[in-house]
Amino acid sequence: MNGDPMDMFEEMDEMFARLFARMNQEFMTGNPEVYEYRIVISNDRAPGRMQEIPAPASRAASEPFAEIHRIGNETKVITELPGVTDEMIRLDVKGSTLIIDAGDAEHHYHTTADLPPVDAASMQKSFRNGVLEVSFRNLPDAASVPEPGKN
């Protein structure tokens, strides 16, 4: 950085230029495997250094990425399902895995999410603007539950 705070912005400009050039090249060639880019800026690196993090391994177009968030005593699974309606969504819990199938002949999606210990019977679904949110009540972790007779 050499003491000039503008160096950081020049570095960001160069990084974005490389990213946009790569995106344009891949989208114009019709590469269906590319659908996500991420840039992570972190204080974990040396001052003034930014690191471009590659996108996660590409998945088939019918496999959206399911985000899993554990908030308080609730677990939420969130995924995008563009082009489907609430009636087209099928959810199933097998063991500790949530299976999401949605769509029709035109749009079809399939993905899974590995859940922490949750009460499957507490499952609640919300679908709005192409975004599915599935909520569960968390079960106590086995490690945090005291054994009978021990405190």
C-alpha atoms as a PDB file:
ATOM      1  CA  MET A   1       0.000   0.000   0.000  1.00  0.00           C
ATOM      2  CA  ASN A   2       2.977   2.303   0.490  1.00  0.00           C
ATOM      3  CA  GLY A   3       1.011   4.613   2.790  1.00  0.00           C
ATOM      4  CA  ASP A   4      -1.364   5.807   0.056  1.00  0.00           C
ATOM      5  CA  PRO A   5      -4.966   4.797   0.903  1.00  0.00           C
ATOM      6  CA  MET A   6      -5.903   5.115  -2.772  1.00  0.00           C
ATOM      7  CA  ASP A   7      -3.684   2.085  -3.570  1.00  0.00           C
ATOM      8  CA  MET A   8      -6.327  -0.139  -1.990  1.00  0.00           C
ATOM      9  CA  PHE A   9      -9.014   1.201  -4.332  1.00  0.00           C
ATOM     10  CA  GLU A  10      -6.778   0.810  -7.372  1.00  0.00           C
ATOM     11  CA  GLU A  11      -6.170  -2.807  -6.364  1.00  0.00           C
ATOM     12  CA  MET A  12      -9.928  -3.330  -5.994  1.00  0.00           C
ATOM     13  CA  ASP A  13     -10.526  -1.789  -9.431  1.00  0.00           C
ATOM     14  CA  GLU A  14      -8.005  -4.173 -10.982  1.00  0.00           C
ATOM     15  CA  MET A  15      -9.565  -7.152  -9.215  1.00  0.00           C
ATOM     16  CA  PHE A  16     -13.066  -6.212 -10.410  1.00  0.00           C
ATOM     17  CA  ALA A  17     -11.803  -5.668 -13.963  1.00  0.00           C
ATOM     18  CA  ARG A  18     -10.322  -9.210 -13.967  1.00  0.00           C
ATOM     19  CA  LEU A  19     -13.502 -10.647 -12.492  1.00  0.00           C
ATOM     20  CA  PHE A  20     -15.806  -8.911 -14.990  1.00  0.00           C
ATOM     21  CA  ALA A  21     -13.576  -9.894 -17.933  1.00  0.00           C
ATOM     22  CA  ARG A  22     -13.718 -13.521 -16.785  1.00  0.00           C
ATOM     23  CA  MET A  23     -17.498 -13.361 -16.290  1.00  0.00           C
ATOM     24  CA  ASN A  24     -18.039 -11.865 -19.753  1.00  0.00           C
ATOM     25  CA  GLN A  25     -15.815 -14.465 -21.392  1.00  0.00           C
ATOM     26  CA  GLU A  26     -17.537 -17.393 -19.668  1.00  0.00           C
ATOM     27  CA  PHE A  27     -21.083 -16.107 -20.133  1.00  0.00           C
ATOM     28  CA  MET A  28     -20.520 -15.247 -23.796  1.00  0.00           C
ATOM     29  CA  THR A  29     -19.159 -18.716 -24.526  1.00  0.00           C
ATOM     30  CA  GLY A  30     -22.319 -20.220 -23.040  1.00  0.00           C
ATOM     31  CA  ASN A  31     -20.502 -22.106 -20.296  1.00  0.00           C
ATOM     32  CA  PRO A  32     -23.509 -23.442 -18.310  1.00  0.00           C
ATOM     33  CA  GLU A  33     -21.313 -24.595 -15.430  1.00  0.00           C
ATOM     34  CA  VAL A  34     -20.556 -21.055 -14.219  1.00  0.00           C
ATOM     35  CA  TYR A  35     -23.278 -19.473 -12.133  1.00  0.00           C
ATOM     36  CA  GLU A  36     -21.706 -17.921  -9.069  1.00  0.00           C
ATOM     37  CA  TYR A  37     -18.852 -15.596  -8.137  1.00  0.00           C
ATOM     38  CA  ARG A  38     -17.747 -14.522  -4.694  1.00  0.00           C
ATOM     39  CA  ILE A  39     -15.344 -11.902  -3.488  1.00  0.00           C
ATOM     40  CA  VAL A  40     -14.342 -12.020   0.156  1.00  0.00           C
ATOM     41  CA  ILE A  41     -12.537  -9.118   1.754  1.00  0.00           C
ATOM     42  CA  SER A  42     -11.135 -10.003   5.143  1.00  0.00           C
ATOM     43  CA  ASN A  43      -8.956  -8.477   7.820  1.00  0.00           C
ATOM     44  CA  ASP A  44      -7.285 -11.862   8.290  1.00  0.00           C
ATOM     45  CA  ARG A  45      -4.647 -11.040   5.647  1.00  0.00           C
ATOM     46  CA  ALA A  46      -1.854  -8.521   5.737  1.00  0.00           C
ATOM     47  CA  PRO A  47      -3.045  -4.901   5.592  1.00  0.00           C
ATOM     48  CA  GLY A  48      -3.881  -3.783   2.090  1.00  0.00           C
ATOM     49  CA  ARG A  49      -4.021  -7.324   0.682  1.00  0.00           C
ATOM     50  CA  MET A  50      -7.274  -8.671  -0.700  1.00  0.00           C
ATOM     51  CA  GLN A  51      -7.816 -12.182  -1.841  1.00  0.00           C
ATOM     52  CA  GLU A  52     -10.169 -13.309  -4.581  1.00  0.00           C
ATOM     53  CA  ILE A  53     -11.862 -16.498  -3.422  1.00  0.00           C
ATOM     54  CA  PRO A  54     -12.876 -18.856  -6.239  1.00  0.00           C
ATOM     55  CA  ALA A  55     -16.553 -19.687  -6.594  1.00  0.00           C
ATOM     56  CA  PRO A  56     -17.658 -22.930  -4.984  1.00  0.00           C
ATOM     57  CA  ALA A  57     -17.510 -26.047  -7.117  1.00  0.00           C
ATOM     58  CA  SER A  58     -20.069 -25.731  -9.842  1.00  0.00           C
ATOM     59  CA  ARG A  59     -23.287 -27.683  -9.548  1.00  0.00           C
ATOM     60  CA  ALA A  60     -25.781 -28.665 -12.198  1.00  0.00           C
ATOM     61  CA  ALA A  61     -28.405 -26.040 -13.045  1.00  0.00           C
ATOM     62  CA  SER A  62     -31.063 -28.162 -11.315  1.00  0.00           C
ATOM     63  CA  GLU A  63     -29.150 -28.151  -8.017  1.00  0.00           C
ATOM     64  CA  PRO A  64     -29.455 -24.788  -6.255  1.00  0.00           C
ATOM     65  CA  PHE A  65     -27.194 -24.071  -3.284  1.00  0.00           C
ATOM     66  CA  ALA A  66     -28.972 -24.416   0.083  1.00  0.00           C
ATOM     67  CA  GLU A  67     -27.744 -22.094   2.832  1.00  0.00           C
ATOM     68  CA  ILE A  68     -28.043 -23.418   6.390  1.00  0.00           C
ATOM     69  CA  HIS A  69     -28.243 -20.919   9.254  1.00  0.00           C
ATOM     70  CA  ARG A  70     -28.449 -21.835  12.918  1.00  0.00           C
ATOM     71  CA  ILE A  71     -29.945 -18.886  14.798  1.00  0.00           C
ATOM     72  CA  GLY A  72     -30.752 -19.246  18.479  1.00  0.00           C
ATOM     73  CA  ASN A  73     -32.870 -22.378  18.898  1.00  0.00           C
ATOM     74  CA  GLU A  74     -33.876 -22.452  15.241  1.00  0.00           C
ATOM     75  CA  THR A  75     -32.275 -23.742  12.032  1.00  0.00           C
ATOM     76  CA  LYS A  76     -33.206 -22.164   8.692  1.00  0.00           C
ATOM     77  CA  VAL A  77     -32.498 -23.589   5.257  1.00  0.00           C
ATOM     78  CA  ILE A  78     -32.725 -21.002   2.473  1.00  0.00           C
ATOM     79  CA  THR A  79     -32.512 -21.604  -1.264  1.00  0.00           C
ATOM     80  CA  GLU A  80     -33.570 -19.888  -4.477  1.00  0.00           C
ATOM     81  CA  LEU A  81     -36.109 -21.654  -6.696  1.00  0.00           C
ATOM     82  CA  PRO A  82     -36.907 -19.240  -9.537  1.00  0.00           C
ATOM     83  CA  GLY A  83     -39.829 -20.036 -11.807  1.00  0.00           C
ATOM     84  CA  VAL A  84     -41.692 -22.377  -9.470  1.00  0.00           C
ATOM     85  CA  THR A  85     -44.782 -21.940  -7.314  1.00  0.00           C
ATOM     86  CA  ASP A  86     -45.401 -22.969  -3.715  1.00  0.00           C
ATOM     87  CA  GLU A  87     -47.471 -25.934  -4.902  1.00  0.00           C
ATOM     88  CA  MET A  88     -44.508 -27.300  -6.915  1.00  0.00           C
ATOM     89  CA  ILE A  89     -42.266 -27.683  -3.837  1.00  0.00           C
ATOM     90  CA  ARG A  90     -41.805 -31.087  -2.196  1.00  0.00           C
ATOM     91  CA  LEU A  91     -39.875 -31.382   1.075  1.00  0.00           C
ATOM     92  CA  ASP A  92     -38.755 -34.540   2.869  1.00  0.00           C
ATOM     93  CA  VAL A  93     -36.506 -35.168   5.851  1.00  0.00           C
ATOM     94  CA  LYS A  94     -34.550 -38.422   5.812  1.00  0.00           C
ATOM     95  CA  GLY A  95     -32.404 -38.795   8.916  1.00  0.00           C
ATOM     96  CA  SER A  96     -30.470 -35.537   9.183  1.00  0.00           C
ATOM     97  CA  THR A  97     -30.936 -34.545   5.525  1.00  0.00           C
ATOM     98  CA  LEU A  98     -33.547 -32.173   4.111  1.00  0.00           C
ATOM     99  CA  ILE A  99     -34.425 -33.088   0.516  1.00  0.00           C
ATOM    100  CA  ILE A 100     -35.856 -30.319  -1.651  1.00  0.00           C
ATOM    101  CA  ASP A 101     -37.497 -31.151  -4.989  1.00  0.00           C
ATOM    102  CA  ALA A 102     -39.372 -28.490  -6.888  1.00  0.00           C
ATOM    103  CA  GLY A 103     -40.635 -27.666 -10.308  1.00  0.00           C
ATOM    104  CA  ASP A 104     -42.302 -28.995 -13.408  1.00  0.00           C
ATOM    105  CA  ALA A 105     -41.145 -29.958 -16.889  1.00  0.00           C
ATOM    106  CA  GLU A 106     -39.835 -26.426 -17.567  1.00  0.00           C
ATOM    107  CA  HIS A 107     -38.104 -25.692 -14.244  1.00  0.00           C
ATOM    108  CA  HIS A 108     -36.860 -28.514 -12.033  1.00  0.00           C
ATOM    109  CA  TYR A 109     -34.668 -28.243  -8.973  1.00  0.00           C
ATOM    110  CA  HIS A 110     -33.216 -30.803  -6.582  1.00  0.00           C
ATOM    111  CA  THR A 111     -30.921 -30.161  -3.638  1.00  0.00           C
ATOM    112  CA  THR A 112     -30.204 -31.436  -0.154  1.00  0.00           C
ATOM    113  CA  ALA A 113     -29.101 -29.863   3.117  1.00  0.00           C
ATOM    114  CA  ASP A 114     -27.356 -31.609   6.005  1.00  0.00           C
ATOM    115  CA  LEU A 115     -29.152 -30.512   9.154  1.00  0.00           C
ATOM    116  CA  PRO A 116     -27.860 -30.237  12.709  1.00  0.00           C
ATOM    117  CA  PRO A 117     -30.022 -32.041  15.310  1.00  0.00           C
ATOM    118  CA  VAL A 118     -33.529 -30.635  14.662  1.00  0.00           C
ATOM    119  CA  ASP A 119     -37.127 -31.602  15.394  1.00  0.00           C
ATOM    120  CA  ALA A 120     -38.318 -32.699  11.930  1.00  0.00           C
ATOM    121  CA  ALA A 121     -41.960 -32.409  13.060  1.00  0.00           C
ATOM    122  CA  SER A 122     -41.444 -28.663  13.666  1.00  0.00           C
ATOM    123  CA  MET A 123     -40.697 -28.014   9.968  1.00  0.00           C
ATOM    124  CA  GLN A 124     -42.297 -24.834   8.615  1.00  0.00           C
ATOM    125  CA  LYS A 125     -42.066 -23.640   5.024  1.00  0.00           C
ATOM    126  CA  SER A 126     -42.189 -20.115   3.631  1.00  0.00           C
ATOM    127  CA  PHE A 127     -41.932 -19.362  -0.104  1.00  0.00           C
ATOM    128  CA  ARG A 128     -41.884 -15.802  -1.392  1.00  0.00           C
ATOM    129  CA  ASN A 129     -40.449 -14.214  -4.545  1.00  0.00           C
ATOM    130  CA  GLY A 130     -38.689 -17.418  -5.602  1.00  0.00           C
ATOM    131  CA  VAL A 131     -36.933 -17.905  -2.250  1.00  0.00           C
ATOM    132  CA  LEU A 132     -37.708 -20.950  -0.115  1.00  0.00           C
ATOM    133  CA  GLU A 133     -37.111 -20.772   3.633  1.00  0.00           C
ATOM    134  CA  VAL A 134     -37.566 -23.914   5.735  1.00  0.00           C
ATOM    135  CA  SER A 135     -37.385 -23.549   9.531  1.00  0.00           C
ATOM    136  CA  PHE A 136     -36.867 -26.188  12.213  1.00  0.00           C
ATOM    137  CA  ARG A 137     -36.688 -26.063  15.999  1.00  0.00           C
ATOM    138  CA  ASN A 138     -33.234 -27.189  17.161  1.00  0.00           C
ATOM    139  CA  LEU A 139     -32.824 -30.169  19.436  1.00  0.00           C
ATOM    140  CA  PRO A 140     -30.251 -29.910  22.214  1.00  0.00           C
ATOM    141  CA  ASP A 141     -26.806 -31.068  21.095  1.00  0.00           C
ATOM    142  CA  ALA A 142     -25.895 -34.429  22.584  1.00  0.00           C
ATOM    143  CA  ALA A 143     -22.604 -32.925  23.800  1.00  0.00           C
ATOM    144  CA  SER A 144     -24.392 -30.161  25.736  1.00  0.00           C
ATOM    145  CA  VAL A 145     -27.012 -32.385  27.391  1.00  0.00           C
ATOM    146  CA  PRO A 146     -25.868 -33.645  30.806  1.00  0.00           C
ATOM    147  CA  GLU A 147     -25.998 -37.382  31.339  1.00  0.00           C
ATOM    148  CA  PRO A 148     -28.715 -38.572  33.767  1.00  0.00           C
ATOM    149  CA  GLY A 149     -27.519 -38.331  37.353  1.00  0.00           C
ATOM    150  CA  LYS A 150     -24.606 -35.998  36.464  1.00  0.00           C
ATOM    151  CA  ASN A 151     -24.645 -32.211  36.715  1.00  0.00           C
END
